[in-house]
Amino acid sequence: MKQRKQKPSKRRTHSAEFKARVALEALKGIKTIHQIAQEEGLHPVQVSTWKQELQARLPEVFASKGSVSAEREKAERDQARLERKVGQLLIEKEFLEKKCDQLGVDLSERP
């Protein structure tokens, strides 16, 4: 039985500027997605995906800087709180392991 040789797939990577330009062109609606895809050498599904992503993320462009920084600060506070909790739990775990060892409790039978 003969085996066919497979061509190595060459994935192209596109810059953010290129994606934005193509997505904006598709969003304008002057040309069809198929026309844009053919001109740029892309698959129409890729153009549609970039267009949908642009539409979904457009509100971020006009979000006030205060709301973005407030969200970032909240995320940093949440992360710090979780890191403190992890530290606390580790200390408690080590304490309990030490006490189990002192009391002769076998930890190898843990579930």
PDB file of N, CA and C in Angstrom:
ATOM      1  N   MET A   1       0.836  -1.158   0.000  1.00  0.00           N
ATOM      2  CA  MET A   1       0.000   0.000   0.000  1.00  0.00           C
ATOM      3  C   MET A   1       0.896   1.241   0.000  1.00  0.00           C
ATOM      4  N   LYS A   2       0.651   2.161  -0.918  1.00  0.00           N
ATOM      5  CA  LYS A   2       1.469   3.360  -1.012  1.00  0.00           C
ATOM      6  C   LYS A   2       0.994   4.401  -0.002  1.00  0.00           C
ATOM      7  N   GLN A   3       1.967   5.068   0.578  1.00  0.00           N
ATOM      8  CA  GLN A   3       1.629   6.150   1.498  1.00  0.00           C
ATOM      9  C   GLN A   3       1.872   7.474   0.798  1.00  0.00           C
ATOM     10  N   ARG A   4       0.913   8.348   0.936  1.00  0.00           N
ATOM     11  CA  ARG A   4       1.055   9.670   0.335  1.00  0.00           C
ATOM     12  C   ARG A   4       1.899  10.550   1.228  1.00  0.00           C
ATOM     13  N   LYS A   5       2.741  11.318   0.608  1.00  0.00           N
ATOM     14  CA  LYS A   5       3.546  12.259   1.378  1.00  0.00           C
ATOM     15  C   LYS A   5       2.683  13.479   1.682  1.00  0.00           C
ATOM     16  N   GLN A   6       2.719  13.863   2.931  1.00  0.00           N
ATOM     17  CA  GLN A   6       1.951  15.031   3.320  1.00  0.00           C
ATOM     18  C   GLN A   6       2.846  16.252   3.283  1.00  0.00           C
ATOM     19  N   LYS A   7       2.300  17.324   2.757  1.00  0.00           N
ATOM     20  CA  LYS A   7       3.047  18.566   2.729  1.00  0.00           C
ATOM     21  C   LYS A   7       3.049  19.161   4.132  1.00  0.00           C
ATOM     22  N   PRO A   8       4.175  19.697   4.557  1.00  0.00           N
ATOM     23  CA  PRO A   8       4.169  20.349   5.856  1.00  0.00           C
ATOM     24  C   PRO A   8       3.309  21.611   5.786  1.00  0.00           C
ATOM     25  N   SER A   9       2.449  21.774   6.763  1.00  0.00           N
ATOM     26  CA  SER A   9       1.562  22.932   6.738  1.00  0.00           C
ATOM     27  C   SER A   9       2.332  24.169   7.181  1.00  0.00           C
ATOM     28  N   LYS A  10       2.139  25.233   6.442  1.00  0.00           N
ATOM     29  CA  LYS A  10       2.798  26.489   6.761  1.00  0.00           C
ATOM     30  C   LYS A  10       1.736  27.440   7.286  1.00  0.00           C
ATOM     31  N   ARG A  11       1.774  27.694   8.563  1.00  0.00           N
ATOM     32  CA  ARG A  11       0.814  28.606   9.156  1.00  0.00           C
ATOM     33  C   ARG A  11       1.342  30.019   9.033  1.00  0.00           C
ATOM     34  N   ARG A  12       0.497  30.877   8.545  1.00  0.00           N
ATOM     35  CA  ARG A  12       0.891  32.269   8.440  1.00  0.00           C
ATOM     36  C   ARG A  12       0.438  33.006   9.692  1.00  0.00           C
ATOM     37  N   THR A  13       1.253  33.922  10.115  1.00  0.00           N
ATOM     38  CA  THR A  13       0.860  34.765  11.235  1.00  0.00           C
ATOM     39  C   THR A  13       0.687  36.182  10.710  1.00  0.00           C
ATOM     40  N   HIS A  14      -0.326  36.839  11.197  1.00  0.00           N
ATOM     41  CA  HIS A  14      -0.645  38.178  10.735  1.00  0.00           C
ATOM     42  C   HIS A  14      -0.497  39.152  11.898  1.00  0.00           C
ATOM     43  N   SER A  15      -0.042  40.341  11.573  1.00  0.00           N
ATOM     44  CA  SER A  15       0.132  41.361  12.603  1.00  0.00           C
ATOM     45  C   SER A  15      -1.231  41.877  13.065  1.00  0.00           C
ATOM     46  N   ALA A  16      -1.223  42.486  14.220  1.00  0.00           N
ATOM     47  CA  ALA A  16      -2.462  43.053  14.755  1.00  0.00           C
ATOM     48  C   ALA A  16      -2.978  44.155  13.829  1.00  0.00           C
ATOM     49  N   GLU A  17      -2.076  44.924  13.240  1.00  0.00           N
ATOM     50  CA  GLU A  17      -2.476  46.002  12.337  1.00  0.00           C
ATOM     51  C   GLU A  17      -3.181  45.443  11.101  1.00  0.00           C
ATOM     52  N   PHE A  18      -2.641  44.344  10.577  1.00  0.00           N
ATOM     53  CA  PHE A  18      -3.247  43.724   9.404  1.00  0.00           C
ATOM     54  C   PHE A  18      -4.652  43.218   9.735  1.00  0.00           C
ATOM     55  N   LYS A  19      -4.775  42.530  10.867  1.00  0.00           N
ATOM     56  CA  LYS A  19      -6.082  42.005  11.276  1.00  0.00           C
ATOM     57  C   LYS A  19      -7.082  43.134  11.467  1.00  0.00           C
ATOM     58  N   ALA A  20      -6.634  44.218  12.100  1.00  0.00           N
ATOM     59  CA  ALA A  20      -7.519  45.350  12.346  1.00  0.00           C
ATOM     60  C   ALA A  20      -7.970  45.984  11.032  1.00  0.00           C
ATOM     61  N   ARG A  21      -7.038  46.114  10.097  1.00  0.00           N
ATOM     62  CA  ARG A  21      -7.375  46.720   8.806  1.00  0.00           C
ATOM     63  C   ARG A  21      -8.401  45.863   8.065  1.00  0.00           C
ATOM     64  N   VAL A  22      -8.182  44.550   8.036  1.00  0.00           N
ATOM     65  CA  VAL A  22      -9.091  43.639   7.337  1.00  0.00           C
ATOM     66  C   VAL A  22     -10.455  43.624   8.030  1.00  0.00           C
ATOM     67  N   ALA A  23     -10.453  43.559   9.361  1.00  0.00           N
ATOM     68  CA  ALA A  23     -11.716  43.522  10.104  1.00  0.00           C
ATOM     69  C   ALA A  23     -12.496  44.817   9.921  1.00  0.00           C
ATOM     70  N   LEU A  24     -11.805  45.951   9.920  1.00  0.00           N
ATOM     71  CA  LEU A  24     -12.470  47.231   9.732  1.00  0.00           C
ATOM     72  C   LEU A  24     -13.055  47.336   8.336  1.00  0.00           C
ATOM     73  N   GLU A  25     -12.325  46.845   7.358  1.00  0.00           N
ATOM     74  CA  GLU A  25     -12.825  46.845   5.990  1.00  0.00           C
ATOM     75  C   GLU A  25     -14.089  45.991   5.878  1.00  0.00           C
ATOM     76  N   ALA A  26     -14.100  44.852   6.563  1.00  0.00           N
ATOM     77  CA  ALA A  26     -15.283  43.987   6.547  1.00  0.00           C
ATOM     78  C   ALA A  26     -16.433  44.649   7.290  1.00  0.00           C
ATOM     79  N   LEU A  27     -16.117  45.356   8.367  1.00  0.00           N
ATOM     80  CA  LEU A  27     -17.153  46.012   9.165  1.00  0.00           C
ATOM     81  C   LEU A  27     -17.804  47.153   8.395  1.00  0.00           C
ATOM     82  N   LYS A  28     -17.036  47.841   7.572  1.00  0.00           N
ATOM     83  CA  LYS A  28     -17.583  48.944   6.774  1.00  0.00           C
ATOM     84  C   LYS A  28     -18.642  48.447   5.806  1.00  0.00           C
ATOM     85  N   GLY A  29     -18.470  47.239   5.277  1.00  0.00           N
ATOM     86  CA  GLY A  29     -19.472  46.649   4.398  1.00  0.00           C
ATOM     87  C   GLY A  29     -19.414  47.138   2.964  1.00  0.00           C
ATOM     88  N   ILE A  30     -18.356  47.832   2.581  1.00  0.00           N
ATOM     89  CA  ILE A  30     -18.233  48.315   1.210  1.00  0.00           C
ATOM     90  C   ILE A  30     -18.014  47.139   0.262  1.00  0.00           C
ATOM     91  N   LYS A  31     -17.191  46.202   0.693  1.00  0.00           N
ATOM     92  CA  LYS A  31     -16.936  44.988  -0.079  1.00  0.00           C
ATOM     93  C   LYS A  31     -17.492  43.806   0.702  1.00  0.00           C
ATOM     94  N   THR A  32     -17.764  42.723  -0.009  1.00  0.00           N
ATOM     95  CA  THR A  32     -18.229  41.521   0.682  1.00  0.00           C
ATOM     96  C   THR A  32     -17.044  40.847   1.359  1.00  0.00           C
ATOM     97  N   ILE A  33     -17.349  40.008   2.303  1.00  0.00           N
ATOM     98  CA  ILE A  33     -16.303  39.278   3.019  1.00  0.00           C
ATOM     99  C   ILE A  33     -15.516  38.402   2.051  1.00  0.00           C
ATOM    100  N   HIS A  34     -16.212  37.824   1.085  1.00  0.00           N
ATOM    101  CA  HIS A  34     -15.536  36.972   0.096  1.00  0.00           C
ATOM    102  C   HIS A  34     -14.567  37.791  -0.758  1.00  0.00           C
ATOM    103  N   GLN A  35     -14.951  39.008  -1.133  1.00  0.00           N
ATOM    104  CA  GLN A  35     -14.059  39.855  -1.921  1.00  0.00           C
ATOM    105  C   GLN A  35     -12.809  40.215  -1.119  1.00  0.00           C
ATOM    106  N   ILE A  36     -13.012  40.592   0.134  1.00  0.00           N
ATOM    107  CA  ILE A  36     -11.882  40.956   0.994  1.00  0.00           C
ATOM    108  C   ILE A  36     -10.956  39.765   1.175  1.00  0.00           C
ATOM    109  N   ALA A  37     -11.539  38.600   1.435  1.00  0.00           N
ATOM    110  CA  ALA A  37     -10.745  37.394   1.651  1.00  0.00           C
ATOM    111  C   ALA A  37      -9.926  37.054   0.409  1.00  0.00           C
ATOM    112  N   GLN A  38     -10.545  37.180  -0.744  1.00  0.00           N
ATOM    113  CA  GLN A  38      -9.844  36.860  -1.991  1.00  0.00           C
ATOM    114  C   GLN A  38      -8.699  37.849  -2.230  1.00  0.00           C
ATOM    115  N   GLU A  39      -8.938  39.131  -1.979  1.00  0.00           N
ATOM    116  CA  GLU A  39      -7.899  40.139  -2.196  1.00  0.00           C
ATOM    117  C   GLU A  39      -6.716  39.950  -1.243  1.00  0.00           C
ATOM    118  N   GLU A  40      -7.003  39.551  -0.017  1.00  0.00           N
ATOM    119  CA  GLU A  40      -5.953  39.424   0.990  1.00  0.00           C
ATOM    120  C   GLU A  40      -5.363  38.024   1.074  1.00  0.00           C
ATOM    121  N   GLY A  41      -5.933  37.073   0.317  1.00  0.00           N
ATOM    122  CA  GLY A  41      -5.425  35.703   0.343  1.00  0.00           C
ATOM    123  C   GLY A  41      -5.780  34.984   1.628  1.00  0.00           C
ATOM    124  N   LEU A  42      -6.969  35.240   2.139  1.00  0.00           N
ATOM    125  CA  LEU A  42      -7.431  34.631   3.387  1.00  0.00           C
ATOM    126  C   LEU A  42      -8.670  33.794   3.120  1.00  0.00           C
ATOM    127  N   HIS A  43      -9.043  33.015   4.121  1.00  0.00           N
ATOM    128  CA  HIS A  43     -10.291  32.269   4.047  1.00  0.00           C
ATOM    129  C   HIS A  43     -11.400  33.185   4.557  1.00  0.00           C
ATOM    130  N   PRO A  44     -12.568  33.169   3.930  1.00  0.00           N
ATOM    131  CA  PRO A  44     -13.657  34.041   4.366  1.00  0.00           C
ATOM    132  C   PRO A  44     -14.047  33.862   5.841  1.00  0.00           C
ATOM    133  N   VAL A  45     -13.917  32.650   6.348  1.00  0.00           N
ATOM    134  CA  VAL A  45     -14.246  32.410   7.755  1.00  0.00           C
ATOM    135  C   VAL A  45     -13.312  33.200   8.664  1.00  0.00           C
ATOM    136  N   GLN A  46     -12.045  33.299   8.270  1.00  0.00           N
ATOM    137  CA  GLN A  46     -11.076  34.052   9.066  1.00  0.00           C
ATOM    138  C   GLN A  46     -11.441  35.529   9.100  1.00  0.00           C
ATOM    139  N   VAL A  47     -11.842  36.063   7.960  1.00  0.00           N
ATOM    140  CA  VAL A  47     -12.246  37.466   7.890  1.00  0.00           C
ATOM    141  C   VAL A  47     -13.472  37.693   8.777  1.00  0.00           C
ATOM    142  N   SER A  48     -14.435  36.782   8.711  1.00  0.00           N
ATOM    143  CA  SER A  48     -15.636  36.898   9.546  1.00  0.00           C
ATOM    144  C   SER A  48     -15.294  36.842  11.028  1.00  0.00           C
ATOM    145  N   THR A  49     -14.369  35.975  11.388  1.00  0.00           N
ATOM    146  CA  THR A  49     -13.957  35.850  12.790  1.00  0.00           C
ATOM    147  C   THR A  49     -13.344  37.148  13.290  1.00  0.00           C
ATOM    148  N   TRP A  50     -12.451  37.730  12.493  1.00  0.00           N
ATOM    149  CA  TRP A  50     -11.818  38.990  12.882  1.00  0.00           C
ATOM    150  C   TRP A  50     -12.849  40.117  12.977  1.00  0.00           C
ATOM    151  N   LYS A  51     -13.819  40.118  12.077  1.00  0.00           N
ATOM    152  CA  LYS A  51     -14.876  41.133  12.096  1.00  0.00           C
ATOM    153  C   LYS A  51     -15.698  41.005  13.385  1.00  0.00           C
ATOM    154  N   GLN A  52     -16.080  39.788  13.742  1.00  0.00           N
ATOM    155  CA  GLN A  52     -16.865  39.567  14.957  1.00  0.00           C
ATOM    156  C   GLN A  52     -16.081  39.967  16.197  1.00  0.00           C
ATOM    157  N   GLU A  53     -14.791  39.656  16.214  1.00  0.00           N
ATOM    158  CA  GLU A  53     -13.964  40.022  17.364  1.00  0.00           C
ATOM    159  C   GLU A  53     -13.866  41.540  17.491  1.00  0.00           C
ATOM    160  N   LEU A  54     -13.713  42.223  16.361  1.00  0.00           N
ATOM    161  CA  LEU A  54     -13.660  43.681  16.382  1.00  0.00           C
ATOM    162  C   LEU A  54     -14.965  44.264  16.918  1.00  0.00           C
ATOM    163  N   GLN A  55     -16.088  43.742  16.458  1.00  0.00           N
ATOM    164  CA  GLN A  55     -17.384  44.224  16.931  1.00  0.00           C
ATOM    165  C   GLN A  55     -17.545  44.002  18.434  1.00  0.00           C
ATOM    166  N   ALA A  56     -17.094  42.869  18.914  1.00  0.00           N
ATOM    167  CA  ALA A  56     -17.255  42.546  20.331  1.00  0.00           C
ATOM    168  C   ALA A  56     -16.365  43.417  21.213  1.00  0.00           C
ATOM    169  N   ARG A  57     -15.198  43.808  20.706  1.00  0.00           N
ATOM    170  CA  ARG A  57     -14.245  44.525  21.541  1.00  0.00           C
ATOM    171  C   ARG A  57     -14.239  46.031  21.321  1.00  0.00           C
ATOM    172  N   LEU A  58     -15.070  46.539  20.430  1.00  0.00           N
ATOM    173  CA  LEU A  58     -15.126  47.975  20.199  1.00  0.00           C
ATOM    174  C   LEU A  58     -15.483  48.780  21.456  1.00  0.00           C
ATOM    175  N   PRO A  59     -16.393  48.325  22.294  1.00  0.00           N
ATOM    176  CA  PRO A  59     -16.703  49.113  23.495  1.00  0.00           C
ATOM    177  C   PRO A  59     -15.487  49.358  24.394  1.00  0.00           C
ATOM    178  N   GLU A  60     -14.508  48.458  24.356  1.00  0.00           N
ATOM    179  CA  GLU A  60     -13.303  48.638  25.171  1.00  0.00           C
ATOM    180  C   GLU A  60     -12.538  49.894  24.767  1.00  0.00           C
ATOM    181  N   VAL A  61     -12.613  50.251  23.489  1.00  0.00           N
ATOM    182  CA  VAL A  61     -11.899  51.425  23.009  1.00  0.00           C
ATOM    183  C   VAL A  61     -12.446  52.689  23.664  1.00  0.00           C
ATOM    184  N   PHE A  62     -13.756  52.718  23.871  1.00  0.00           N
ATOM    185  CA  PHE A  62     -14.391  53.916  24.396  1.00  0.00           C
ATOM    186  C   PHE A  62     -14.659  53.856  25.896  1.00  0.00           C
ATOM    187  N   ALA A  63     -14.222  52.791  26.542  1.00  0.00           N
ATOM    188  CA  ALA A  63     -14.391  52.692  27.994  1.00  0.00           C
ATOM    189  C   ALA A  63     -13.513  53.752  28.647  1.00  0.00           C
ATOM    190  N   SER A  64     -14.038  54.341  29.708  1.00  0.00           N
ATOM    191  CA  SER A  64     -13.252  55.382  30.381  1.00  0.00           C
ATOM    192  C   SER A  64     -12.044  54.746  31.049  1.00  0.00           C
ATOM    193  N   LYS A  65     -10.970  55.524  31.099  1.00  0.00           N
ATOM    194  CA  LYS A  65      -9.740  55.005  31.679  1.00  0.00           C
ATOM    195  C   LYS A  65      -9.930  54.698  33.151  1.00  0.00           C
ATOM    196  N   GLY A  66     -10.807  55.430  33.807  1.00  0.00           N
ATOM    197  CA  GLY A  66     -11.071  55.196  35.223  1.00  0.00           C
ATOM    198  C   GLY A  66     -11.679  53.837  35.474  1.00  0.00           C
ATOM    199  N   SER A  67     -12.590  53.426  34.605  1.00  0.00           N
ATOM    200  CA  SER A  67     -13.229  52.127  34.807  1.00  0.00           C
ATOM    201  C   SER A  67     -12.247  50.995  34.541  1.00  0.00           C
ATOM    202  N   VAL A  68     -11.361  51.198  33.583  1.00  0.00           N
ATOM    203  CA  VAL A  68     -10.359  50.169  33.278  1.00  0.00           C
ATOM    204  C   VAL A  68      -9.381  50.042  34.438  1.00  0.00           C
ATOM    205  N   SER A  69      -8.915  51.172  34.959  1.00  0.00           N
ATOM    206  CA  SER A  69      -7.964  51.113  36.069  1.00  0.00           C
ATOM    207  C   SER A  69      -8.640  50.593  37.330  1.00  0.00           C
ATOM    208  N   ALA A  70      -9.932  50.903  37.525  1.00  0.00           N
ATOM    209  CA  ALA A  70     -10.660  50.386  38.687  1.00  0.00           C
ATOM    210  C   ALA A  70     -10.777  48.865  38.608  1.00  0.00           C
ATOM    211  N   GLU A  71     -11.045  48.364  37.408  1.00  0.00           N
ATOM    212  CA  GLU A  71     -11.135  46.910  37.228  1.00  0.00           C
ATOM    213  C   GLU A  71      -9.789  46.251  37.488  1.00  0.00           C
ATOM    214  N   ARG A  72      -8.724  46.895  37.033  1.00  0.00           N
ATOM    215  CA  ARG A  72      -7.376  46.363  37.242  1.00  0.00           C
ATOM    216  C   ARG A  72      -7.037  46.343  38.730  1.00  0.00           C
ATOM    217  N   GLU A  73      -7.364  47.429  39.434  1.00  0.00           N
ATOM    218  CA  GLU A  73      -7.099  47.489  40.868  1.00  0.00           C
ATOM    219  C   GLU A  73      -7.883  46.411  41.620  1.00  0.00           C
ATOM    220  N   LYS A  74      -9.138  46.208  41.226  1.00  0.00           N
ATOM    221  CA  LYS A  74      -9.960  45.177  41.871  1.00  0.00           C
ATOM    222  C   LYS A  74      -9.353  43.803  41.635  1.00  0.00           C
ATOM    223  N   ALA A  75      -8.883  43.544  40.416  1.00  0.00           N
ATOM    224  CA  ALA A  75      -8.260  42.251  40.107  1.00  0.00           C
ATOM    225  C   ALA A  75      -6.990  42.061  40.929  1.00  0.00           C
ATOM    226  N   GLU A  76      -6.206  43.133  41.099  1.00  0.00           N
ATOM    227  CA  GLU A  76      -4.978  43.039  41.898  1.00  0.00           C
ATOM    228  C   GLU A  76      -5.304  42.786  43.369  1.00  0.00           C
ATOM    229  N   ARG A  77      -6.349  43.447  43.882  1.00  0.00           N
ATOM    230  CA  ARG A  77      -6.772  43.211  45.274  1.00  0.00           C
ATOM    231  C   ARG A  77      -7.239  41.776  45.458  1.00  0.00           C
ATOM    232  N   ASP A  78      -8.023  41.280  44.510  1.00  0.00           N
ATOM    233  CA  ASP A  78      -8.500  39.896  44.591  1.00  0.00           C
ATOM    234  C   ASP A  78      -7.333  38.915  44.566  1.00  0.00           C
ATOM    235  N   GLN A  79      -6.354  39.182  43.701  1.00  0.00           N
ATOM    236  CA  GLN A  79      -5.194  38.300  43.616  1.00  0.00           C
ATOM    237  C   GLN A  79      -4.409  38.312  44.925  1.00  0.00           C
ATOM    238  N   ALA A  80      -4.209  39.495  45.502  1.00  0.00           N
ATOM    239  CA  ALA A  80      -3.480  39.601  46.768  1.00  0.00           C
ATOM    240  C   ALA A  80      -4.221  38.854  47.877  1.00  0.00           C
ATOM    241  N   ARG A  81      -5.562  38.990  47.890  1.00  0.00           N
ATOM    242  CA  ARG A  81      -6.363  38.296  48.904  1.00  0.00           C
ATOM    243  C   ARG A  81      -6.226  36.785  48.751  1.00  0.00           C
ATOM    244  N   LEU A  82      -6.266  36.303  47.509  1.00  0.00           N
ATOM    245  CA  LEU A  82      -6.138  34.865  47.276  1.00  0.00           C
ATOM    246  C   LEU A  82      -4.746  34.350  47.638  1.00  0.00           C
ATOM    247  N   GLU A  83      -3.722  35.155  47.355  1.00  0.00           N
ATOM    248  CA  GLU A  83      -2.360  34.749  47.716  1.00  0.00           C
ATOM    249  C   GLU A  83      -2.205  34.658  49.229  1.00  0.00           C
ATOM    250  N   ARG A  84      -2.806  35.606  49.967  1.00  0.00           N
ATOM    251  CA  ARG A  84      -2.769  35.541  51.438  1.00  0.00           C
ATOM    252  C   ARG A  84      -3.485  34.292  51.949  1.00  0.00           C
ATOM    253  N   LYS A  85      -4.615  33.972  51.320  1.00  0.00           N
ATOM    254  CA  LYS A  85      -5.384  32.794  51.732  1.00  0.00           C
ATOM    255  C   LYS A  85      -4.580  31.516  51.479  1.00  0.00           C
ATOM    256  N   VAL A  86      -3.899  31.439  50.345  1.00  0.00           N
ATOM    257  CA  VAL A  86      -3.067  30.268  50.041  1.00  0.00           C
ATOM    258  C   VAL A  86      -1.964  30.135  51.081  1.00  0.00           C
ATOM    259  N   GLY A  87      -1.329  31.255  51.425  1.00  0.00           N
ATOM    260  CA  GLY A  87      -0.285  31.230  52.448  1.00  0.00           C
ATOM    261  C   GLY A  87      -0.818  30.744  53.788  1.00  0.00           C
ATOM    262  N   GLN A  88      -2.001  31.247  54.158  1.00  0.00           N
ATOM    263  CA  GLN A  88      -2.622  30.829  55.421  1.00  0.00           C
ATOM    264  C   GLN A  88      -2.911  29.329  55.408  1.00  0.00           C
ATOM    265  N   LEU A  89      -3.448  28.836  54.314  1.00  0.00           N
ATOM    266  CA  LEU A  89      -3.777  27.415  54.224  1.00  0.00           C
ATOM    267  C   LEU A  89      -2.523  26.538  54.266  1.00  0.00           C
ATOM    268  N   LEU A  90      -1.443  27.002  53.662  1.00  0.00           N
ATOM    269  CA  LEU A  90      -0.197  26.238  53.718  1.00  0.00           C
ATOM    270  C   LEU A  90       0.339  26.147  55.150  1.00  0.00           C
ATOM    271  N   ILE A  91       0.273  27.261  55.867  1.00  0.00           N
ATOM    272  CA  ILE A  91       0.729  27.258  57.265  1.00  0.00           C
ATOM    273  C   ILE A  91      -0.126  26.308  58.096  1.00  0.00           C
ATOM    274  N   GLU A  92      -1.449  26.360  57.898  1.00  0.00           N
ATOM    275  CA  GLU A  92      -2.347  25.464  58.632  1.00  0.00           C
ATOM    276  C   GLU A  92      -2.060  24.008  58.298  1.00  0.00           C
ATOM    277  N   LYS A  93      -1.815  23.718  57.026  1.00  0.00           N
ATOM    278  CA  LYS A  93      -1.525  22.346  56.606  1.00  0.00           C
ATOM    279  C   LYS A  93      -0.252  21.837  57.273  1.00  0.00           C
ATOM    280  N   GLU A  94       0.793  22.676  57.256  1.00  0.00           N
ATOM    281  CA  GLU A  94       2.051  22.266  57.888  1.00  0.00           C
ATOM    282  C   GLU A  94       1.869  22.053  59.382  1.00  0.00           C
ATOM    283  N   PHE A  95       1.079  22.918  60.038  1.00  0.00           N
ATOM    284  CA  PHE A  95       0.820  22.769  61.463  1.00  0.00           C
ATOM    285  C   PHE A  95       0.111  21.445  61.753  1.00  0.00           C
ATOM    286  N   LEU A  96      -0.920  21.154  60.937  1.00  0.00           N
ATOM    287  CA  LEU A  96      -1.677  19.923  61.159  1.00  0.00           C
ATOM    288  C   LEU A  96      -0.831  18.678  60.879  1.00  0.00           C
ATOM    289  N   GLU A  97       0.023  18.737  59.867  1.00  0.00           N
ATOM    290  CA  GLU A  97       0.902  17.598  59.602  1.00  0.00           C
ATOM    291  C   GLU A  97       1.857  17.371  60.771  1.00  0.00           C
ATOM    292  N   LYS A  98       2.362  18.440  61.324  1.00  0.00           N
ATOM    293  CA  LYS A  98       3.276  18.351  62.462  1.00  0.00           C
ATOM    294  C   LYS A  98       2.561  17.741  63.671  1.00  0.00           C
ATOM    295  N   LYS A  99       1.333  18.195  63.924  1.00  0.00           N
ATOM    296  CA  LYS A  99       0.562  17.660  65.053  1.00  0.00           C
ATOM    297  C   LYS A  99       0.219  16.188  64.840  1.00  0.00           C
ATOM    298  N   CYS A 100      -0.130  15.823  63.614  1.00  0.00           N
ATOM    299  CA  CYS A 100      -0.421  14.418  63.325  1.00  0.00           C
ATOM    300  C   CYS A 100       0.807  13.558  63.590  1.00  0.00           C
ATOM    301  N   ASP A 101       1.977  14.078  63.204  1.00  0.00           N
ATOM    302  CA  ASP A 101       3.224  13.360  63.434  1.00  0.00           C
ATOM    303  C   ASP A 101       3.474  13.204  64.934  1.00  0.00           C
ATOM    304  N   GLN A 102       3.217  14.252  65.718  1.00  0.00           N
ATOM    305  CA  GLN A 102       3.414  14.205  67.164  1.00  0.00           C
ATOM    306  C   GLN A 102       2.451  13.222  67.829  1.00  0.00           C
ATOM    307  N   LEU A 103       1.228  13.130  67.294  1.00  0.00           N
ATOM    308  CA  LEU A 103       0.215  12.249  67.877  1.00  0.00           C
ATOM    309  C   LEU A 103       0.282  10.826  67.328  1.00  0.00           C
ATOM    310  N   GLY A 104       1.142  10.600  66.344  1.00  0.00           N
ATOM    311  CA  GLY A 104       1.292   9.262  65.793  1.00  0.00           C
ATOM    312  C   GLY A 104       0.228   8.905  64.767  1.00  0.00           C
ATOM    313  N   VAL A 105      -0.409   9.880  64.181  1.00  0.00           N
ATOM    314  CA  VAL A 105      -1.429   9.636  63.158  1.00  0.00           C
ATOM    315  C   VAL A 105      -0.720   9.382  61.844  1.00  0.00           C
ATOM    316  N   ASP A 106      -1.089   8.238  61.202  1.00  0.00           N
ATOM    317  CA  ASP A 106      -0.464   7.856  59.938  1.00  0.00           C
ATOM    318  C   ASP A 106      -1.132   8.631  58.790  1.00  0.00           C
ATOM    319  N   LEU A 107      -0.378   9.467  58.109  1.00  0.00           N
ATOM    320  CA  LEU A 107      -0.920  10.286  57.012  1.00  0.00           C
ATOM    321  C   LEU A 107      -0.880   9.551  55.670  1.00  0.00           C
ATOM    322  N   SER A 108      -0.286   8.382  55.633  1.00  0.00           N
ATOM    323  CA  SER A 108      -0.226   7.648  54.361  1.00  0.00           C
ATOM    324  C   SER A 108      -1.577   7.073  53.985  1.00  0.00           C
ATOM    325  N   GLU A 109      -2.520   7.044  54.918  1.00  0.00           N
ATOM    326  CA  GLU A 109      -3.847   6.509  54.630  1.00  0.00           C
ATOM    327  C   GLU A 109      -4.844   7.573  54.224  1.00  0.00           C
ATOM    328  N   ARG A 110      -4.345   8.740  53.851  1.00  0.00           N
ATOM    329  CA  ARG A 110      -5.231   9.832  53.437  1.00  0.00           C
ATOM    330  C   ARG A 110      -5.989   9.455  52.172  1.00  0.00           C
ATOM    331  N   PRO A 111      -7.202   9.950  52.045  1.00  0.00           N
ATOM    332  CA  PRO A 111      -7.982   9.657  50.842  1.00  0.00           C
ATOM    333  C   PRO A 111      -7.426  10.360  49.637  1.00  0.00           C
TER     334      PRO A 111
END
